C-alpha atoms as a PDB file:
ATOM      1  CA  MET A   1     -66.431  24.363  16.914  1.00  0.00           C
ATOM      2  CA  GLY A   2     -64.320  27.052  18.019  1.00  0.00           C
ATOM      3  CA  ARG A   3     -61.242  25.005  18.879  1.00  0.00           C
ATOM      4  CA  LEU A   4     -61.638  22.864  15.520  1.00  0.00           C
ATOM      5  CA  ALA A   5     -61.702  26.248  13.362  1.00  0.00           C
ATOM      6  CA  GLN A   6     -58.698  28.044  14.722  1.00  0.00           C
ATOM      7  CA  GLY A   7     -57.359  24.567  14.570  1.00  0.00           C
ATOM      8  CA  LEU A   8     -57.668  24.647  11.326  1.00  0.00           C
ATOM      9  CA  ALA A   9     -57.423  28.014  10.346  1.00  0.00           C
ATOM     10  CA  ALA A  10     -53.468  27.322  11.689  1.00  0.00           C
ATOM     11  CA  MET A  11     -52.809  23.974  10.354  1.00  0.00           C
ATOM     12  CA  ILE A  12     -53.582  26.020   6.612  1.00  0.00           C
ATOM     13  CA  TRP A  13     -51.408  28.790   7.904  1.00  0.00           C
ATOM     14  CA  SER A  14     -48.741  26.902   9.079  1.00  0.00           C
ATOM     15  CA  LEU A  15     -49.042  24.032   5.646  1.00  0.00           C
ATOM     16  CA  MET A  16     -48.762  26.909   3.303  1.00  0.00           C
ATOM     17  CA  ALA A  17     -46.156  28.899   4.733  1.00  0.00           C
ATOM     18  CA  LEU A  18     -44.004  26.175   5.654  1.00  0.00           C
ATOM     19  CA  GLN A  19     -44.468  25.806   1.562  1.00  0.00           C
ATOM     20  CA  ILE A  20     -45.578  22.116   2.228  1.00  0.00           C
ATOM     21  CA  PRO A  21     -47.213  20.264  -0.029  1.00  0.00           C
ATOM     22  CA  PHE A  22     -50.749  19.062   0.115  1.00  0.00           C
ATOM     23  CA  THR A  23     -49.775  15.335  -0.727  1.00  0.00           C
ATOM     24  CA  LEU A  24     -51.697  12.760  -0.666  1.00  0.00           C
ATOM     25  CA  SER A  25     -49.158  11.379   2.519  1.00  0.00           C
ATOM     26  CA  VAL A  26     -50.019  15.077   4.288  1.00  0.00           C
ATOM     27  CA  PHE A  27     -53.800  14.111   3.600  1.00  0.00           C
ATOM     28  CA  TRP A  28     -53.295  10.553   5.340  1.00  0.00           C
ATOM     29  CA  LEU A  29     -51.218  11.921   8.340  1.00  0.00           C
ATOM     30  CA  LEU A  30     -53.320  14.795   9.682  1.00  0.00           C
ATOM     31  CA  SER A  31     -56.548  12.913   8.760  1.00  0.00           C
ATOM     32  CA  ALA A  32     -54.857  10.230  11.035  1.00  0.00           C
ATOM     33  CA  ALA A  33     -54.301  12.191  13.852  1.00  0.00           C
ATOM     34  CA  LEU A  34     -57.431  14.345  13.904  1.00  0.00           C
ATOM     35  CA  ILE A  35     -59.219  11.050  13.821  1.00  0.00           C
ATOM     36  CA  GLY A  36     -56.534   9.527  16.460  1.00  0.00           C
ATOM     37  CA  SER A  37     -56.199  12.659  18.238  1.00  0.00           C
ATOM     38  CA  VAL A  38     -60.392  12.513  19.352  1.00  0.00           C
ATOM     39  CA  SER A  39     -60.995   9.117  20.015  1.00  0.00           C
ATOM     40  CA  LEU A  40     -57.778   9.093  22.602  1.00  0.00           C
ATOM     41  CA  PHE A  41     -59.797  12.356  24.020  1.00  0.00           C
ATOM     42  CA  LEU A  42     -62.813  10.185  24.124  1.00  0.00           C
ATOM     43  CA  GLY A  43     -60.540   7.928  25.625  1.00  0.00           C
ATOM     44  CA  ILE A  44     -59.637   9.340  28.451  1.00  0.00           C
ATOM     45  CA  THR A  45     -63.375  11.279  28.549  1.00  0.00           C
ATOM     46  CA  ILE A  46     -64.684   7.595  29.118  1.00  0.00           C
ATOM     47  CA  ALA A  47     -61.750   6.528  31.731  1.00  0.00           C
ATOM     48  CA  GLN A  48     -62.581   9.670  33.727  1.00  0.00           C
ATOM     49  CA  ALA A  49     -66.142   8.744  33.382  1.00  0.00           C
ATOM     50  CA  THR A  50     -65.329   4.901  34.127  1.00  0.00           C
ATOM     51  CA  LEU A  51     -63.714   5.767  37.557  1.00  0.00           C
ATOM     52  CA  THR A  52     -66.334   6.940  39.060  1.00  0.00           C
ATOM     53  CA  PHE A  53     -67.517   3.881  39.426  1.00  0.00           C
ATOM     54  CA  TRP A  54     -64.794   3.351  42.451  1.00  0.00           C
ATOM     55  CA  THR A  55     -63.950   6.961  42.877  1.00  0.00           C
ATOM     56  CA  ILE A  56     -66.044  10.366  44.818  1.00  0.00           C
ATOM     57  CA  GLU A  57     -63.498  12.873  43.468  1.00  0.00           C
ATOM     58  CA  SER A  58     -61.984  11.446  40.103  1.00  0.00           C
ATOM     59  CA  LEU A  59     -62.442  14.713  37.396  1.00  0.00           C
ATOM     60  CA  GLU A  60     -59.060  16.060  38.592  1.00  0.00           C
ATOM     61  CA  ILE A  61     -56.749  12.882  37.763  1.00  0.00           C
ATOM     62  CA  MET A  62     -58.156  13.160  34.465  1.00  0.00           C
ATOM     63  CA  ASN A  63     -58.343  17.077  34.481  1.00  0.00           C
ATOM     64  CA  ILE A  64     -53.830  16.572  34.388  1.00  0.00           C
ATOM     65  CA  LEU A  65     -54.259  14.565  31.404  1.00  0.00           C
ATOM     66  CA  THR A  66     -56.736  16.115  29.045  1.00  0.00           C
ATOM     67  CA  TYR A  67     -55.798  19.603  29.997  1.00  0.00           C
ATOM     68  CA  GLY A  68     -52.451  19.125  31.458  1.00  0.00           C
ATOM     69  CA  GLY A  69     -51.911  16.373  27.569  1.00  0.00           C
ATOM     70  CA  VAL A  70     -52.647  19.793  25.544  1.00  0.00           C
ATOM     71  CA  GLU A  71     -50.835  22.012  27.189  1.00  0.00           C
ATOM     72  CA  THR A  72     -47.475  18.640  26.842  1.00  0.00           C
ATOM     73  CA  ALA A  73     -48.596  19.254  23.085  1.00  0.00           C
ATOM     74  CA  GLN A  74     -48.083  22.236  22.569  1.00  0.00           C
ATOM     75  CA  TYR A  75     -43.878  21.907  22.834  1.00  0.00           C
ATOM     76  CA  PRO A  76     -41.835  19.427  20.791  1.00  0.00           C
ATOM     77  CA  PHE A  77     -42.009  15.446  22.966  1.00  0.00           C
ATOM     78  CA  SER A  78     -37.890  15.847  22.041  1.00  0.00           C
ATOM     79  CA  ILE A  79     -37.889  18.305  25.151  1.00  0.00           C
ATOM     80  CA  TYR A  80     -39.243  16.223  27.491  1.00  0.00           C
ATOM     81  CA  SER A  81     -37.523  13.714  30.010  1.00  0.00           C
ATOM     82  CA  ARG A  82     -37.028   9.874  28.552  1.00  0.00           C
ATOM     83  CA  TRP A  83     -39.827   8.482  31.490  1.00  0.00           C
ATOM     84  CA  PHE A  84     -42.716  11.880  30.307  1.00  0.00           C
ATOM     85  CA  GLN A  85     -41.560  11.283  26.710  1.00  0.00           C
ATOM     86  CA  ARG A  86     -42.253   7.072  27.577  1.00  0.00           C
ATOM     87  CA  PHE A  87     -45.594   7.911  29.260  1.00  0.00           C
ATOM     88  CA  PHE A  88     -46.715   9.598  26.470  1.00  0.00           C
ATOM     89  CA  THR A  89     -46.259   7.147  24.168  1.00  0.00           C
ATOM     90  CA  PHE A  90     -47.020   4.020  25.471  1.00  0.00           C
ATOM     91  CA  LEU A  91     -49.038   4.645  28.444  1.00  0.00           C
ATOM     92  CA  ILE A  92     -51.116   7.658  26.729  1.00  0.00           C
ATOM     93  CA  PRO A  93     -49.946   7.928  23.254  1.00  0.00           C
ATOM     94  CA  LEU A  94     -50.388  11.840  22.705  1.00  0.00           C
ATOM     95  CA  VAL A  95     -46.704  11.087  21.131  1.00  0.00           C
ATOM     96  CA  CYS A  96     -48.402   8.467  19.055  1.00  0.00           C
ATOM     97  CA  VAL A  97     -51.675  10.502  17.560  1.00  0.00           C
ATOM     98  CA  SER A  98     -50.143  14.547  17.788  1.00  0.00           C
ATOM     99  CA  TYR A  99     -46.069  14.168  18.380  1.00  0.00           C
ATOM    100  CA  PHE A 100     -44.951  11.008  15.466  1.00  0.00           C
ATOM    101  CA  PRO A 101     -47.564  11.849  12.038  1.00  0.00           C
ATOM    102  CA  LEU A 102     -46.550  16.160  11.900  1.00  0.00           C
ATOM    103  CA  LEU A 103     -42.693  14.689  12.683  1.00  0.00           C
ATOM    104  CA  ALA A 104     -43.687  12.925   9.328  1.00  0.00           C
ATOM    105  CA  VAL A 105     -45.698  15.500   8.213  1.00  0.00           C
ATOM    106  CA  LEU A 106     -42.241  18.208   8.500  1.00  0.00           C
ATOM    107  CA  ASN A 107     -39.774  15.884   7.474  1.00  0.00           C
ATOM    108  CA  LYS A 108     -38.454  16.019  10.807  1.00  0.00           C
ATOM    109  CA  VAL A 109     -38.601  12.296  11.509  1.00  0.00           C
ATOM    110  CA  ASP A 110     -34.449  11.324  11.692  1.00  0.00           C
ATOM    111  CA  ASN A 111     -35.277  13.965  15.197  1.00  0.00           C
ATOM    112  CA  PHE A 112     -36.095  11.494  16.687  1.00  0.00           C
ATOM    113  CA  SER A 113     -34.971   8.568  15.844  1.00  0.00           C
ATOM    114  CA  VAL A 114     -38.328   6.852  14.793  1.00  0.00           C
ATOM    115  CA  PRO A 115     -38.999   4.991  11.907  1.00  0.00           C
ATOM    116  CA  VAL A 116     -41.108   6.747   8.784  1.00  0.00           C
ATOM    117  CA  TRP A 117     -43.933   3.968   8.470  1.00  0.00           C
ATOM    118  CA  ILE A 118     -44.249   4.551  12.366  1.00  0.00           C
ATOM    119  CA  CYS A 119     -45.418   7.652  11.966  1.00  0.00           C
ATOM    120  CA  TYR A 120     -48.344   6.448   9.394  1.00  0.00           C
ATOM    121  CA  VAL A 121     -49.538   4.238  11.781  1.00  0.00           C
ATOM    122  CA  SER A 122     -48.787   5.437  15.213  1.00  0.00           C
ATOM    123  CA  PRO A 123     -52.644   7.862  14.801  1.00  0.00           C
ATOM    124  CA  ILE A 124     -53.692   4.200  15.298  1.00  0.00           C
ATOM    125  CA  ALA A 125     -52.903   4.293  19.153  1.00  0.00           C
ATOM    126  CA  GLY A 126     -56.142   6.654  19.667  1.00  0.00           C
ATOM    127  CA  ILE A 127     -58.324   4.123  18.907  1.00  0.00           C
ATOM    128  CA  VAL A 128     -57.209   1.287  20.358  1.00  0.00           C
ATOM    129  CA  PHE A 129     -56.850   3.527  24.007  1.00  0.00           C
ATOM    130  CA  LEU A 130     -60.705   3.849  22.984  1.00  0.00           C
ATOM    131  CA  LEU A 131     -61.010   0.706  22.557  1.00  0.00           C
ATOM    132  CA  ILE A 132     -59.228  -0.175  25.861  1.00  0.00           C
ATOM    133  CA  ALA A 133     -61.496   2.438  27.661  1.00  0.00           C
ATOM    134  CA  LEU A 134     -64.385   1.425  26.599  1.00  0.00           C
ATOM    135  CA  ARG A 135     -63.549  -1.977  27.725  1.00  0.00           C
ATOM    136  CA  LEU A 136     -63.028  -0.444  31.168  1.00  0.00           C
ATOM    137  CA  TRP A 137     -66.315   0.656  31.200  1.00  0.00           C
ATOM    138  CA  LYS A 138     -68.384  -2.318  30.680  1.00  0.00           C
ATOM    139  CA  ILE A 139     -65.947  -3.671  33.702  1.00  0.00           C
ATOM    140  CA  GLY A 140     -67.199  -1.197  35.748  1.00  0.00           C
ATOM    141  CA  GLU A 141     -70.690  -1.541  34.264  1.00  0.00           C
ATOM    142  CA  ARG A 142     -70.730  -5.224  35.352  1.00  0.00           C
ATOM    143  CA  HIS A 143     -69.045  -4.619  38.586  1.00  0.00           C
ATOM    144  CA  TYR A 144     -71.066  -1.427  39.725  1.00  0.00           C
ATOM    145  CA  SER A 145     -72.850  -1.944  43.015  1.00  0.00           C
ATOM    146  CA  SER A 146     -75.998   1.049  43.768  1.00  0.00           C
ATOM    147  CA  THR A 147     -75.196   3.314  47.125  1.00  0.00           C
ATOM    148  CA  GLY A 148     -79.022   2.711  47.676  1.00  0.00           C
ATOM    149  CA  SER A 149     -79.743   5.634  48.281  1.00  0.00           C
END
C-alpha cells in the first residue's frame, strides 16, 4: 500500500507540475498502464513459481526480472541498447506497460518512433503475459511429479 500511495502522490504531483490536463485519454493511459503493470508483475511471479516445478533455486533468476525491471523502468528506455529494448518490449513487455503509455501522456511519442495508437493498446501486453504465465503454470502442474518424500 505504501508503494501505491507513494506512486499516486508522485503521479499527481507530476501531472500538476508538468501542467498535463487530466483528460479521458490521460486517465485511460494511466489506468491501463497500472493494470498492465500489475498483470505483468503478477505474471512474472507466477512464472517464477512455475519454475519451481523443474528447478531448485529459481528465485534469483526471476529477481533479475522483478527487481531489475523496477530499476530498469526508472530510466528512459531510449538510453538502453537495441537488444535490451527488444528484450523488455517483446519478451518481458515492461516497455509496453509503462514506457509507451507514458510517452503518450507526455506527448513525446516521436522520440521513440512508435505510432500513438500503440501507446494506447500496449498495456494489454501485460495481461497477455499474465495469461501466458497462467498457461505455463497449468503445463507445469500437469507434468509435475512429486519427489516422494
